[in-house]
């Protein structure tokens, strides 16, 4: 046999002349034939009670770089879901009642044991996923350790920092293949810290580190059933999400699957968080350091083979620097090292699966002809002239996950960061993450956060609230509440019967109740009226019976008001709400008399409801300048600023009980945090709310901030939730209506808050106000600002 020729040895001068990388391979033998060969798992509880059900199909996991078979895992079926969820449900009864310190010790122990096996996890993650070992070792696994340490702290502090909240129950965590280990950690840590138990379904392509992690949890002493793993295909994940005993679904993946899960869980009472796709802008101004930009761009789009939702896949360059920057980027691309994922000097490893490579190639061809967008290592570039144009281009996307800004001008960076519609914005950097700062998006990038205190709220419910178990039945979504005027047709002559004419009779001036939008009283567009009856069934007046056109007009008015109201100083917003309270107090007796006549409550109770409204307005005015955000204590050398921004345009459908108080309790927290609203007052008793538009007109409330439509709650909710310019829908009505709202929200993935037909005690301070309302009225954005002029990073 001929001997293989040894590679030529280079002199020191030659090495410095070409600056070529040498290979630095990691030995995959740490996994093969060790852990992979000795494990044959399918379903596991956290004591590593491996269950091997009979008569199952199997999935073969292969090394994406070589095609070599790594392991075989079971394709789970419904019985496996039942087993795992039951184990989690039983464990919850004990785990949720453990002292906070005990749960903190368990999370701390997991962190320590992950550190013991950090090398093994890094190698297995790269073998399973194809990403470079450098990314697994220096980014992914250290993030896992950091999250468990950080959330051990939150477990310890739950009774102090989250004292008005309680755990949900069983959490179904469904994670993707691009960051298998880090994604599962983002779900498991806050869930366990808050007292929940978890059933994890890893991605089809990448199951191995999840199964290894279950063994590490067992080694760490985590009690049986607290953490469970089931393996299967995409449809298997839906079965897990829909299990009757799953209380919350935490999903990370593509937007289309997120829509499917939103529709599948509609009306079930399950809480839902979605971290979905993104097309993040990478904005470069002429004041940027171009050398830093080029390296940052390589990290932003080609890290993890571009297979990450936050990849900076849209390059926006200021026109004056575009030619030079493009040339620098092309030169840097010549040095991008593509190769074996086990080589520490590799910049880009293998795509996760052959099918993904084929799909990206097809998208590239399609993009050349149609301008499609891709999930993969493909960059799209365009130019801008002004800052306003850059912001408009960046926000001109259905997604809102992340973005980065490159400039040495800090005031410019901050102004652009505040203007981007995204959940995370990095200044002079990209893809920076930490357990102390929540990550997640808005628009079609989903809702909910992973990390930080803001991420804890996804895994808890208010302490007073019980798990809703609605039974809405089947709904015909296309026809639900679609017909206008079908429920209460107007019948003239009900309000006042004719009487004999007397010479000294002077008729009263007719009171016409109108709808209110754009700061003006208007008749409903269809010119239809709706009779309102008092508690005895006597007709007492007519209100406008609004239609789809009224929804359109009100939304347009709210959209026009949104930019100005959102940018007003918080102190100014507070003064306006205080003024509303002041003017309502001047009309207290008049409004109370109206409540007595309409609802039949006594005078004392009616006055009490008006007083409660005034107090609640004061309460929310106080929060105008006290819930704006905080500085996060991340590992960044710099400042990570968490800003609680307004959601945008919120549509609200009010219930019938306490018609004035529920109206005030719902619109006030929304507008104090900078949102604008289109609100439908009580369908049965709308008149007290309509008394307020005269209060608004005399209280300096800008036109379009609060817009009131009367009519059928479900009919108007249908068109509000389907409207593309509505960012959130709060619905307090029937179980069927709640299901319809959640199902319909999937179209553009707007946030929803529904009551599933369960009534609230609006006079109760916990149920009618509190942090729950602020949570729904805001969304968190983390802005990462590095430092480095004086001291080295």
Foldseek 3Di string as FASTA:
>chain_A
DDDDDDDDDDDPVVCVVVVADDWDFDDLVLVVPPPQVVDAAFKAWLLRPGDDDPPFDKDFAFQLFPRHTRHIYTADDLVSLVVLLVLQQVVLVVQQPDQLLVLLLLLLLLLVLLVVCQVVLLSLLCRLFFAASLCSNVPQSVQLSQQSNVLSVLSNCCCPPVVQWAFQEEEEEEEERLRQRNSVSLVLSLQSSRRYAYEYEYAQSGDPSVSVSSNSSSVSPDDTSRYMYHYHHPVVSLSNLLPLRHQEYEYEEALVVVLVSLLSCFLQLHFYFYQHAAAAAEEEEPQFDLVLSLVQLLCQQCRSQLQDRRRNQEYEYAPVCVVVSVVVNVVVVVSQAEDGSSTNPHSHTGGSHPVLVVVQVVVVVVCVPPNDDDRGRHHHYDYDHDLVVVQVVRQPDQWAFEYEYGHPDVVSRVVSQVSGQHFEYEYSHGDDDGQQGWGGHAWSSTDATGHHPSNSVSGIDGPVDDRDRFDQDDDPLVPFLADFPPPFADDPPQQDHDDDDDPPDDDDDDDAQAWAAQLDGDAAPVNGWGFAAAQVRGTHHIYHAHALVVLVVLLVSQQVCQVVLQPDDLLVLLQLLLLLLVLLVVCLQVLLVVCCGRHVDDSVVSSVLSVLLSVLSNVLSVCLPPPQWDWTPGPFQATKTKGWAFLEEEEEEFAAPSQQLLVSLQLSNQSSRRYAYEYETHQRDNVSVSVSSVSSSVRPNGGSRYTYDYHDRLNSLSSQLQDPSHQEYEYEAESNSSSSSSSNNSVRNHHYHYDNHDDFPCSDCSGSDDDVSNSVRTGIHIYHDHDDPPHHD
